[in-house]
C-alpha atoms as a PDB file:
ATOM      1  CA  MET A   1     -96.953  30.080-171.739  1.00  0.00           C
ATOM      2  CA  PHE A   2     -98.857  26.786-172.331  1.00  0.00           C
ATOM      3  CA  SER A   3    -100.356  25.324-175.480  1.00  0.00           C
ATOM      4  CA  ILE A   4    -103.699  24.071-174.175  1.00  0.00           C
ATOM      5  CA  ILE A   5    -105.005  21.099-176.148  1.00  0.00           C
ATOM      6  CA  ILE A   6    -108.728  20.335-175.938  1.00  0.00           C
ATOM      7  CA  PRO A   7    -110.464  17.527-177.859  1.00  0.00           C
ATOM      8  CA  SER A   8    -114.214  18.142-178.014  1.00  0.00           C
ATOM      9  CA  TRP A   9    -117.063  15.933-179.196  1.00  0.00           C
ATOM     10  CA  ASN A  10    -120.351  17.827-179.535  1.00  0.00           C
ATOM     11  CA  ASN A  11    -119.946  19.400-176.095  1.00  0.00           C
ATOM     12  CA  LEU A  12    -120.327  23.035-177.075  1.00  0.00           C
ATOM     13  CA  GLU A  13    -121.887  24.330-173.847  1.00  0.00           C
ATOM     14  CA  TYR A  14    -119.152  22.656-171.790  1.00  0.00           C
ATOM     15  CA  LEU A  15    -116.471  23.919-174.164  1.00  0.00           C
ATOM     16  CA  LYS A  16    -117.722  27.503-173.894  1.00  0.00           C
ATOM     17  CA  LEU A  17    -117.404  27.343-170.103  1.00  0.00           C
ATOM     18  CA  CYS A  18    -113.987  25.732-170.348  1.00  0.00           C
ATOM     19  CA  ILE A  19    -112.532  28.357-172.664  1.00  0.00           C
ATOM     20  CA  ALA A  20    -114.188  31.221-170.802  1.00  0.00           C
ATOM     21  CA  SER A  21    -112.557  30.010-167.583  1.00  0.00           C
ATOM     22  CA  ILE A  22    -109.123  29.866-169.231  1.00  0.00           C
ATOM     23  CA  LYS A  23    -109.497  33.443-170.418  1.00  0.00           C
ATOM     24  CA  ALA A  24    -110.908  34.727-167.136  1.00  0.00           C
ATOM     25  CA  HIS A  25    -108.737  32.917-164.609  1.00  0.00           C
ATOM     26  CA  SER A  26    -105.301  32.577-166.211  1.00  0.00           C
ATOM     27  CA  ALA A  27    -102.355  34.603-165.003  1.00  0.00           C
ATOM     28  CA  PHE A  28    -100.468  33.967-168.257  1.00  0.00           C
ATOM     29  CA  ASP A  29    -101.250  34.187-171.959  1.00  0.00           C
ATOM     30  CA  HIS A  30    -101.866  30.695-173.328  1.00  0.00           C
ATOM     31  CA  GLU A  31    -102.436  29.239-176.774  1.00  0.00           C
ATOM     32  CA  ILE A  32    -105.747  27.365-177.101  1.00  0.00           C
ATOM     33  CA  LEU A  33    -106.051  24.542-179.646  1.00  0.00           C
ATOM     34  CA  VAL A  34    -109.257  22.541-180.067  1.00  0.00           C
ATOM     35  CA  HIS A  35    -109.968  19.417-182.089  1.00  0.00           C
ATOM     36  CA  VAL A  36    -113.634  19.178-183.099  1.00  0.00           C
ATOM     37  CA  ASN A  37    -114.971  15.643-183.380  1.00  0.00           C
ATOM     38  CA  ASP A  38    -118.084  15.763-185.596  1.00  0.00           C
ATOM     39  CA  GLY A  39    -119.202  19.244-184.501  1.00  0.00           C
ATOM     40  CA  ALA A  40    -122.850  18.855-185.466  1.00  0.00           C
ATOM     41  CA  ASP A  41    -123.767  21.009-182.465  1.00  0.00           C
ATOM     42  CA  GLY A  42    -122.170  24.117-183.983  1.00  0.00           C
ATOM     43  CA  THR A  43    -118.787  23.835-182.269  1.00  0.00           C
ATOM     44  CA  ARG A  44    -116.806  24.710-185.415  1.00  0.00           C
ATOM     45  CA  GLU A  45    -118.875  27.777-186.157  1.00  0.00           C
ATOM     46  CA  TRP A  46    -118.520  29.025-182.585  1.00  0.00           C
ATOM     47  CA  LEU A  47    -114.733  28.495-182.588  1.00  0.00           C
ATOM     48  CA  GLU A  48    -114.475  30.383-185.875  1.00  0.00           C
ATOM     49  CA  SER A  49    -116.503  33.269-184.423  1.00  0.00           C
ATOM     50  CA  GLN A  50    -114.058  33.381-181.490  1.00  0.00           C
ATOM     51  CA  SER A  51    -110.948  33.118-183.721  1.00  0.00           C
ATOM     52  CA  ILE A  52    -109.797  30.009-181.846  1.00  0.00           C
ATOM     53  CA  ARG A  53    -107.494  27.676-183.759  1.00  0.00           C
ATOM     54  CA  HIS A  54    -108.968  24.248-184.320  1.00  0.00           C
ATOM     55  CA  SER A  55    -108.877  21.100-186.404  1.00  0.00           C
ATOM     56  CA  HIS A  56    -111.843  18.948-187.386  1.00  0.00           C
ATOM     57  CA  SER A  57    -112.853  15.396-188.224  1.00  0.00           C
ATOM     58  CA  SER A  58    -116.268  14.396-189.511  1.00  0.00           C
ATOM     59  CA  ASP A  59    -116.492  11.619-186.918  1.00  0.00           C
ATOM     60  CA  ASN A  60    -115.002  11.002-183.483  1.00  0.00           C
ATOM     61  CA  VAL A  61    -111.315  10.162-183.935  1.00  0.00           C
ATOM     62  CA  GLY A  62    -110.839   9.848-180.185  1.00  0.00           C
ATOM     63  CA  VAL A  63    -108.491  11.428-177.676  1.00  0.00           C
ATOM     64  CA  CYS A  64    -105.226   9.846-178.833  1.00  0.00           C
ATOM     65  CA  ILE A  65    -105.278  10.943-182.465  1.00  0.00           C
ATOM     66  CA  ALA A  66    -106.862  14.331-181.763  1.00  0.00           C
ATOM     67  CA  THR A  67    -104.404  15.231-179.011  1.00  0.00           C
ATOM     68  CA  ASN A  68    -101.334  14.100-180.933  1.00  0.00           C
ATOM     69  CA  TYR A  69    -102.462  16.026-183.981  1.00  0.00           C
ATOM     70  CA  LEU A  70    -102.885  19.237-181.999  1.00  0.00           C
ATOM     71  CA  ALA A  71     -99.593  18.712-180.156  1.00  0.00           C
ATOM     72  CA  ALA A  72     -97.809  18.726-183.517  1.00  0.00           C
ATOM     73  CA  GLN A  73     -99.201  22.235-184.171  1.00  0.00           C
ATOM     74  CA  ALA A  74     -98.426  23.694-180.728  1.00  0.00           C
ATOM     75  CA  LYS A  75     -96.282  26.807-180.442  1.00  0.00           C
ATOM     76  CA  HIS A  76     -95.280  26.750-176.780  1.00  0.00           C
ATOM     77  CA  ASP A  77     -92.829  24.497-174.956  1.00  0.00           C
ATOM     78  CA  TRP A  78     -95.314  23.186-172.411  1.00  0.00           C
ATOM     79  CA  LEU A  79     -98.410  21.243-173.485  1.00  0.00           C
ATOM     80  CA  LEU A  80    -101.505  21.016-171.304  1.00  0.00           C
ATOM     81  CA  TYR A  81    -104.121  18.385-172.130  1.00  0.00           C
ATOM     82  CA  LEU A  82    -107.483  19.655-170.858  1.00  0.00           C
ATOM     83  CA  ASN A  83    -110.896  18.009-171.088  1.00  0.00           C
ATOM     84  CA  ASP A  84    -113.665  20.141-172.548  1.00  0.00           C
ATOM     85  CA  ASP A  85    -115.832  19.542-169.462  1.00  0.00           C
ATOM     86  CA  MET A  86    -113.369  21.211-167.093  1.00  0.00           C
ATOM     87  CA  VAL A  87    -113.490  24.711-165.611  1.00  0.00           C
ATOM     88  CA  CYS A  88    -110.223  26.338-164.534  1.00  0.00           C
ATOM     89  CA  CYS A  89    -110.250  28.109-161.184  1.00  0.00           C
ATOM     90  CA  PRO A  90    -108.255  31.260-160.349  1.00  0.00           C
ATOM     91  CA  GLY A  91    -104.563  30.541-159.882  1.00  0.00           C
ATOM     92  CA  TRP A  92    -104.700  27.252-161.737  1.00  0.00           C
ATOM     93  CA  ASP A  93    -101.872  28.120-164.152  1.00  0.00           C
ATOM     94  CA  SER A  94     -99.625  30.128-161.835  1.00  0.00           C
ATOM     95  CA  ALA A  95     -99.459  27.118-159.490  1.00  0.00           C
ATOM     96  CA  LEU A  96     -98.338  24.936-162.395  1.00  0.00           C
ATOM     97  CA  VAL A  97     -95.749  27.503-163.446  1.00  0.00           C
ATOM     98  CA  ASP A  98     -94.408  27.518-159.877  1.00  0.00           C
ATOM     99  CA  ALA A  99     -94.139  23.725-160.068  1.00  0.00           C
ATOM    100  CA  ILE A 100     -92.180  23.944-163.327  1.00  0.00           C
ATOM    101  CA  ARG A 101     -89.804  26.480-161.800  1.00  0.00           C
ATOM    102  CA  SER A 102     -89.239  24.268-158.751  1.00  0.00           C
ATOM    103  CA  THR A 103     -87.937  21.419-160.891  1.00  0.00           C
ATOM    104  CA  PRO A 104     -84.374  21.351-162.288  1.00  0.00           C
ATOM    105  CA  THR A 105     -85.388  19.321-165.343  1.00  0.00           C
ATOM    106  CA  ASN A 106     -88.198  19.523-167.877  1.00  0.00           C
ATOM    107  CA  LEU A 107     -88.607  15.738-167.737  1.00  0.00           C
ATOM    108  CA  ALA A 108     -91.573  15.904-165.401  1.00  0.00           C
ATOM    109  CA  MET A 109     -95.349  15.467-165.418  1.00  0.00           C
ATOM    110  CA  PHE A 110     -97.603  17.871-163.558  1.00  0.00           C
ATOM    111  CA  PHE A 111    -101.332  17.611-162.925  1.00  0.00           C
ATOM    112  CA  SER A 112    -104.024  19.849-161.478  1.00  0.00           C
ATOM    113  CA  SER A 113    -106.066  18.955-158.409  1.00  0.00           C
ATOM    114  CA  LEU A 114    -109.621  18.123-159.455  1.00  0.00           C
ATOM    115  CA  ILE A 115    -112.910  19.122-157.900  1.00  0.00           C
ATOM    116  CA  GLU A 116    -115.903  17.001-158.928  1.00  0.00           C
ATOM    117  CA  PRO A 117    -119.602  17.165-158.055  1.00  0.00           C
ATOM    118  CA  LYS A 118    -119.860  13.510-157.033  1.00  0.00           C
ATOM    119  CA  GLY A 119    -117.558  11.323-155.008  1.00  0.00           C
ATOM    120  CA  ALA A 120    -116.177   8.183-156.632  1.00  0.00           C
ATOM    121  CA  GLY A 121    -113.718   7.139-153.958  1.00  0.00           C
ATOM    122  CA  ASN A 122    -110.736   8.839-155.588  1.00  0.00           C
ATOM    123  CA  PRO A 123    -108.565  10.373-152.826  1.00  0.00           C
ATOM    124  CA  LEU A 124    -107.042  12.788-155.350  1.00  0.00           C
ATOM    125  CA  VAL A 125    -110.432  14.423-155.995  1.00  0.00           C
ATOM    126  CA  SER A 126    -112.109  17.029-153.813  1.00  0.00           C
ATOM    127  CA  VAL A 127    -115.912  16.624-153.813  1.00  0.00           C
ATOM    128  CA  GLN A 128    -117.887  19.862-154.103  1.00  0.00           C
ATOM    129  CA  ASN A 129    -121.023  20.182-156.196  1.00  0.00           C
ATOM    130  CA  PHE A 130    -121.056  23.408-158.201  1.00  0.00           C
ATOM    131  CA  GLY A 131    -123.393  21.893-160.809  1.00  0.00           C
ATOM    132  CA  LEU A 132    -123.695  18.706-162.822  1.00  0.00           C
ATOM    133  CA  THR A 133    -124.191  20.440-166.177  1.00  0.00           C
ATOM    134  CA  PRO A 134    -123.424  23.856-167.677  1.00  0.00           C
ATOM    135  CA  ALA A 135    -127.063  24.864-167.157  1.00  0.00           C
ATOM    136  CA  GLU A 136    -126.730  24.132-163.417  1.00  0.00           C
ATOM    137  CA  PHE A 137    -123.220  25.538-163.012  1.00  0.00           C
ATOM    138  CA  ASP A 138    -122.959  28.014-160.115  1.00  0.00           C
ATOM    139  CA  GLU A 139    -119.858  30.029-160.950  1.00  0.00           C
ATOM    140  CA  GLN A 140    -120.145  32.421-158.040  1.00  0.00           C
ATOM    141  CA  ARG A 141    -120.338  29.584-155.530  1.00  0.00           C
ATOM    142  CA  MET A 142    -117.355  27.925-157.165  1.00  0.00           C
ATOM    143  CA  LEU A 143    -115.315  31.125-156.981  1.00  0.00           C
ATOM    144  CA  ALA A 144    -116.227  31.501-153.308  1.00  0.00           C
ATOM    145  CA  ASN A 145    -115.457  27.906-152.326  1.00  0.00           C
ATOM    146  CA  TYR A 146    -113.047  26.251-154.784  1.00  0.00           C
ATOM    147  CA  ASN A 147    -110.096  26.725-152.427  1.00  0.00           C
ATOM    148  CA  SER A 148    -111.915  25.957-149.172  1.00  0.00           C
ATOM    149  CA  GLU A 149    -110.344  22.498-148.972  1.00  0.00           C
ATOM    150  CA  LYS A 150    -106.602  23.007-149.005  1.00  0.00           C
ATOM    151  CA  ARG A 151    -104.699  20.319-150.873  1.00  0.00           C
ATOM    152  CA  PRO A 152    -100.963  19.630-150.652  1.00  0.00           C
ATOM    153  CA  ASP A 153     -98.897  18.597-153.636  1.00  0.00           C
ATOM    154  CA  ILE A 154     -99.047  14.824-154.059  1.00  0.00           C
ATOM    155  CA  GLU A 155     -96.005  13.042-155.463  1.00  0.00           C
ATOM    156  CA  GLY A 156     -96.051   9.778-157.387  1.00  0.00           C
ATOM    157  CA  GLN A 157     -99.571  10.144-158.767  1.00  0.00           C
ATOM    158  CA  GLY A 158    -101.198  10.984-162.097  1.00  0.00           C
ATOM    159  CA  SER A 159    -104.399  12.892-162.803  1.00  0.00           C
ATOM    160  CA  GLN A 160    -105.752  15.479-165.252  1.00  0.00           C
ATOM    161  CA  PRO A 161    -105.291  18.056-166.661  1.00  0.00           C
ATOM    162  CA  THR A 162    -101.836  16.887-167.710  1.00  0.00           C
ATOM    163  CA  LEU A 163     -98.889  19.238-168.265  1.00  0.00           C
ATOM    164  CA  VAL A 164     -95.699  18.021-169.979  1.00  0.00           C
ATOM    165  CA  HIS A 165     -92.872  19.538-171.972  1.00  0.00           C
ATOM    166  CA  ARG A 166     -93.428  19.330-175.722  1.00  0.00           C
ATOM    167  CA  MET A 167     -89.993  17.788-176.320  1.00  0.00           C
ATOM    168  CA  TRP A 168     -90.777  14.838-174.062  1.00  0.00           C
ATOM    169  CA  TRP A 169     -94.330  14.444-175.393  1.00  0.00           C
ATOM    170  CA  HIS A 170     -92.914  13.891-178.868  1.00  0.00           C
ATOM    171  CA  THR A 171     -89.933  11.855-177.606  1.00  0.00           C
ATOM    172  CA  VAL A 172     -92.210   9.216-176.052  1.00  0.00           C
ATOM    173  CA  GLY A 173     -94.756   9.435-178.869  1.00  0.00           C
ATOM    174  CA  GLY A 174     -97.626  11.150-177.067  1.00  0.00           C
ATOM    175  CA  TYR A 175    -100.782   9.119-176.578  1.00  0.00           C
ATOM    176  CA  SER A 176    -100.379   5.626-178.050  1.00  0.00           C
ATOM    177  CA  LEU A 177    -102.901   4.905-180.795  1.00  0.00           C
ATOM    178  CA  GLU A 178    -103.527   1.341-179.638  1.00  0.00           C
ATOM    179  CA  PHE A 179    -105.452   2.882-176.721  1.00  0.00           C
ATOM    180  CA  GLY A 180    -107.949   4.646-179.000  1.00  0.00           C
ATOM    181  CA  PRO A 181    -110.421   6.135-178.411  1.00  0.00           C
ATOM    182  CA  GLY A 182    -108.629   6.772-175.134  1.00  0.00           C
ATOM    183  CA  MET A 183    -109.299   4.535-172.131  1.00  0.00           C
ATOM    184  CA  SER A 184    -106.026   3.909-170.200  1.00  0.00           C
ATOM    185  CA  SER A 185    -104.010   6.133-172.540  1.00  0.00           C
ATOM    186  CA  ASP A 186    -103.125   8.271-169.508  1.00  0.00           C
ATOM    187  CA  ASP A 187    -101.603   5.362-167.589  1.00  0.00           C
ATOM    188  CA  ASP A 188     -99.724   4.275-170.689  1.00  0.00           C
ATOM    189  CA  LEU A 189     -98.310   7.797-170.997  1.00  0.00           C
ATOM    190  CA  LEU A 190     -97.165   7.632-167.356  1.00  0.00           C
ATOM    191  CA  MET A 191     -95.362   4.376-168.086  1.00  0.00           C
ATOM    192  CA  LYS A 192     -93.714   5.801-171.202  1.00  0.00           C
ATOM    193  CA  PHE A 193     -92.474   8.812-169.260  1.00  0.00           C
ATOM    194  CA  TRP A 194     -91.126   6.439-166.601  1.00  0.00           C
ATOM    195  CA  VAL A 195     -89.245   4.445-169.232  1.00  0.00           C
ATOM    196  CA  ALA A 196     -87.824   7.739-170.576  1.00  0.00           C
ATOM    197  CA  GLY A 197     -86.427   8.485-167.109  1.00  0.00           C
ATOM    198  CA  CYS A 198     -89.106  10.687-165.525  1.00  0.00           C
ATOM    199  CA  ARG A 199     -89.443  10.343-161.747  1.00  0.00           C
ATOM    200  CA  ASP A 200     -91.313  13.559-161.023  1.00  0.00           C
ATOM    201  CA  PHE A 201     -95.068  12.891-161.240  1.00  0.00           C
ATOM    202  CA  ARG A 202     -96.822  15.594-159.223  1.00  0.00           C
ATOM    203  CA  VAL A 203    -100.451  16.568-158.592  1.00  0.00           C
ATOM    204  CA  VAL A 204    -100.201  20.285-157.787  1.00  0.00           C
ATOM    205  CA  GLY A 205    -102.574  21.030-154.928  1.00  0.00           C
ATOM    206  CA  ALA A 206    -102.884  24.765-155.602  1.00  0.00           C
ATOM    207  CA  SER A 207    -103.889  24.238-159.238  1.00  0.00           C
ATOM    208  CA  ARG A 208    -107.644  23.694-158.952  1.00  0.00           C
ATOM    209  CA  VAL A 209    -109.910  22.619-161.801  1.00  0.00           C
ATOM    210  CA  TYR A 210    -113.621  21.792-161.626  1.00  0.00           C
ATOM    211  CA  HIS A 211    -114.596  18.702-163.607  1.00  0.00           C
ATOM    212  CA  PHE A 212    -118.193  17.934-164.536  1.00  0.00           C
ATOM    213  CA  SER A 213    -116.915  14.408-165.390  1.00  0.00           C
ATOM    214  CA  GLN A 214    -117.962  11.873-168.005  1.00  0.00           C
ATOM    215  CA  SER A 215    -119.769  14.218-170.364  1.00  0.00           C
ATOM    216  CA  SER A 216    -117.985  12.466-173.262  1.00  0.00           C
ATOM    217  CA  THR A 217    -116.726   9.159-171.868  1.00  0.00           C
ATOM    218  CA  GLY A 218    -120.267   8.162-171.007  1.00  0.00           C
ATOM    219  CA  ARG A 219    -121.152   8.315-174.722  1.00  0.00           C
ATOM    220  CA  VAL A 220    -118.137   6.722-176.374  1.00  0.00           C
ATOM    221  CA  ARG A 221    -117.743   3.008-177.042  1.00  0.00           C
ATOM    222  CA  LYS A 222    -114.830   2.335-174.721  1.00  0.00           C
ATOM    223  CA  ASN A 223    -111.768   0.308-175.531  1.00  0.00           C
ATOM    224  CA  LYS A 224    -110.596  -2.228-172.941  1.00  0.00           C
ATOM    225  CA  GLY A 225    -107.574  -0.194-171.985  1.00  0.00           C
ATOM    226  CA  GLY A 226    -106.545  -2.215-168.948  1.00  0.00           C
ATOM    227  CA  ARG A 227    -106.226  -5.291-171.129  1.00  0.00           C
ATOM    228  CA  THR A 228    -104.147  -3.451-173.723  1.00  0.00           C
ATOM    229  CA  PHE A 229    -101.906  -2.065-170.972  1.00  0.00           C
ATOM    230  CA  VAL A 230    -101.047  -5.472-169.512  1.00  0.00           C
ATOM    231  CA  MET A 231    -100.586  -6.997-172.973  1.00  0.00           C
ATOM    232  CA  LYS A 232     -98.158  -4.198-173.831  1.00  0.00           C
ATOM    233  CA  TRP A 233     -96.195  -3.918-170.583  1.00  0.00           C
ATOM    234  CA  GLY A 234     -96.615  -7.263-168.822  1.00  0.00           C
ATOM    235  CA  ILE A 235     -97.746  -5.520-165.640  1.00  0.00           C
ATOM    236  CA  THR A 236    -101.179  -4.300-164.629  1.00  0.00           C
ATOM    237  CA  GLN A 237    -101.989  -0.621-164.187  1.00  0.00           C
ATOM    238  CA  ALA A 238    -102.665  -1.169-160.483  1.00  0.00           C
ATOM    239  CA  GLU A 239     -99.290  -2.854-159.976  1.00  0.00           C
ATOM    240  CA  PHE A 240     -97.435  -0.104-161.807  1.00  0.00           C
ATOM    241  CA  LYS A 241     -99.123   2.626-159.790  1.00  0.00           C
ATOM    242  CA  ARG A 242     -98.765   0.857-156.438  1.00  0.00           C
ATOM    243  CA  ASP A 243     -95.282  -0.610-156.737  1.00  0.00           C
ATOM    244  CA  PHE A 244     -93.504   1.981-158.873  1.00  0.00           C
ATOM    245  CA  LEU A 245     -95.307   5.249-159.599  1.00  0.00           C
ATOM    246  CA  SER A 246     -96.246   5.917-155.963  1.00  0.00           C
ATOM    247  CA  LYS A 247     -92.568   5.524-155.010  1.00  0.00           C
ATOM    248  CA  ALA A 248     -91.211   7.552-157.912  1.00  0.00           C
ATOM    249  CA  ARG A 249     -90.055  10.756-156.221  1.00  0.00           C
ATOM    250  CA  GLY A 250     -86.697  10.472-154.548  1.00  0.00           C
ATOM    251  CA  THR A 251     -85.352   7.492-156.488  1.00  0.00           C
ATOM    252  CA  ALA A 252     -81.765   8.333-157.315  1.00  0.00           C
ATOM    253  CA  ALA A 253     -80.154   7.878-160.701  1.00  0.00           C
ATOM    254  CA  GLY A 254     -77.745   5.398-159.119  1.00  0.00           C
ATOM    255  CA  ASP A 255     -80.432   3.078-157.771  1.00  0.00           C
ATOM    256  CA  THR A 256     -80.492  -0.425-159.160  1.00  0.00           C
ATOM    257  CA  ALA A 257     -82.762  -1.267-162.060  1.00  0.00           C
ATOM    258  CA  GLU A 258     -84.610  -3.729-159.813  1.00  0.00           C
ATOM    259  CA  THR A 259     -85.797  -0.921-157.555  1.00  0.00           C
ATOM    260  CA  THR A 260     -86.452   1.762-160.150  1.00  0.00           C
ATOM    261  CA  PHE A 261     -87.599   0.010-163.310  1.00  0.00           C
ATOM    262  CA  PRO A 262     -90.862  -1.960-163.652  1.00  0.00           C
ATOM    263  CA  ARG A 263     -90.715  -5.641-164.434  1.00  0.00           C
ATOM    264  CA  SER A 264     -93.473  -7.920-165.633  1.00  0.00           C
ATOM    265  CA  THR A 265     -95.244  -9.737-162.818  1.00  0.00           C
ATOM    266  CA  THR A 266     -96.629 -13.232-162.434  1.00  0.00           C
ATOM    267  CA  HIS A 267    -100.105 -11.721-162.346  1.00  0.00           C
ATOM    268  CA  GLY A 268     -99.396  -9.710-165.496  1.00  0.00           C
ATOM    269  CA  ARG A 269     -97.925 -12.688-167.346  1.00  0.00           C
ATOM    270  CA  LEU A 270    -100.946 -14.841-166.482  1.00  0.00           C
ATOM    271  CA  LYS A 271    -103.254 -12.139-167.788  1.00  0.00           C
ATOM    272  CA  ARG A 272    -101.220 -12.002-170.993  1.00  0.00           C
ATOM    273  CA  ILE A 273    -101.728 -15.737-171.473  1.00  0.00           C
ATOM    274  CA  GLY A 274    -105.468 -15.362-170.968  1.00  0.00           C
ATOM    275  CA  TYR A 275    -105.663 -12.596-173.570  1.00  0.00           C
ATOM    276  CA  ALA A 276    -103.256 -14.152-176.063  1.00  0.00           C
ATOM    277  CA  PHE A 277    -105.844 -15.808-178.274  1.00  0.00           C
ATOM    278  CA  ALA A 278    -107.899 -12.704-178.991  1.00  0.00           C
ATOM    279  CA  ASP A 279    -107.178  -9.891-181.425  1.00  0.00           C
ATOM    280  CA  TYR A 280    -106.294  -7.088-179.025  1.00  0.00           C
ATOM    281  CA  PRO A 281    -106.134  -4.134-179.407  1.00  0.00           C
ATOM    282  CA  LEU A 282    -107.257  -4.252-183.036  1.00  0.00           C
ATOM    283  CA  ASP A 283    -110.711  -5.624-182.237  1.00  0.00           C
ATOM    284  CA  ASP A 284    -111.333  -2.723-179.845  1.00  0.00           C
ATOM    285  CA  LEU A 285    -110.210  -0.218-182.474  1.00  0.00           C
ATOM    286  CA  ALA A 286    -112.336  -1.775-185.209  1.00  0.00           C
ATOM    287  CA  ALA A 287    -115.396  -1.913-182.937  1.00  0.00           C
ATOM    288  CA  TRP A 288    -115.053   1.783-182.189  1.00  0.00           C
ATOM    289  CA  SER A 289    -114.071   3.102-185.617  1.00  0.00           C
ATOM    290  CA  PRO A 290    -112.942   1.027-188.625  1.00  0.00           C
ATOM    291  CA  ALA A 291    -110.527   3.715-189.798  1.00  0.00           C
ATOM    292  CA  PRO A 292    -109.971   6.272-187.031  1.00  0.00           C
ATOM    293  CA  GLY A 293    -108.491   9.577-188.144  1.00  0.00           C
ATOM    294  CA  ARG A 294    -109.032   9.129-191.855  1.00  0.00           C
ATOM    295  CA  LYS A 295    -111.124  12.303-192.166  1.00  0.00           C
ATOM    296  CA  ILE A 296    -109.107  14.721-190.050  1.00  0.00           C
ATOM    297  CA  THR A 297    -108.631  18.167-191.571  1.00  0.00           C
ATOM    298  CA  SER A 298    -105.860  20.694-191.128  1.00  0.00           C
ATOM    299  CA  ILE A 299    -105.870  23.129-188.266  1.00  0.00           C
ATOM    300  CA  THR A 300    -107.293  26.584-188.976  1.00  0.00           C
END
């Protein structure tokens, strides 16, 4: 049904839980594709022992390159980007399939509803602590309580995991490499789908996924994604989400461009001026990896 794309960077214990949850709690048969960054913790050997298709790079090529590479190998029409520190709850995929079937077009973006152990002020996230690490993970308590807080579908928002049709992923170019290793690549993808005509951005309340959170992002040298976003689009991420994305559903094809298409803002233009004399995004990319992706190997 889905091609599930998982970049992983020396997170084997998280990855084992992630893949086990897909196999245990999916209503449909999905393809699993993993990109192994480094893999010094034995990730490659474990994937080979499980006959799970994967690609490999000797260093961390980041989310953008790894995900795009796997997407090019995917067999199914719908691509799901899943973090390796996520655990799928029962019914997670059937709820997404119902969302697909409720939409007359495949130009749409769907997201699961996250459960995290700590609150960070995100209204899209349900806070329930089922463990901060794989060693602490209480699966039985999660299975008993993951659906205790009912969540409606939320329109005009983006989250993760992210489900899109393969045709549109490739049409807009997937994750843009200038956001490597990955900060703000999600918001950039939302904008690209908007430009392509998508107005259905939906967090599916019945699709529940537990997220340990920041098991990889806390280790990576982050790019300044917000700066790259405003330099690229002339509008800040906050402005795009507040003034356009949150109002996406229900905009008719006949609406005027002024009401349906983002425009650069005074705030965004001023930020562009302030950033104009620095070498962005290339300095971020060079600081993270001088030649990202140069050592990627074919999928096996």
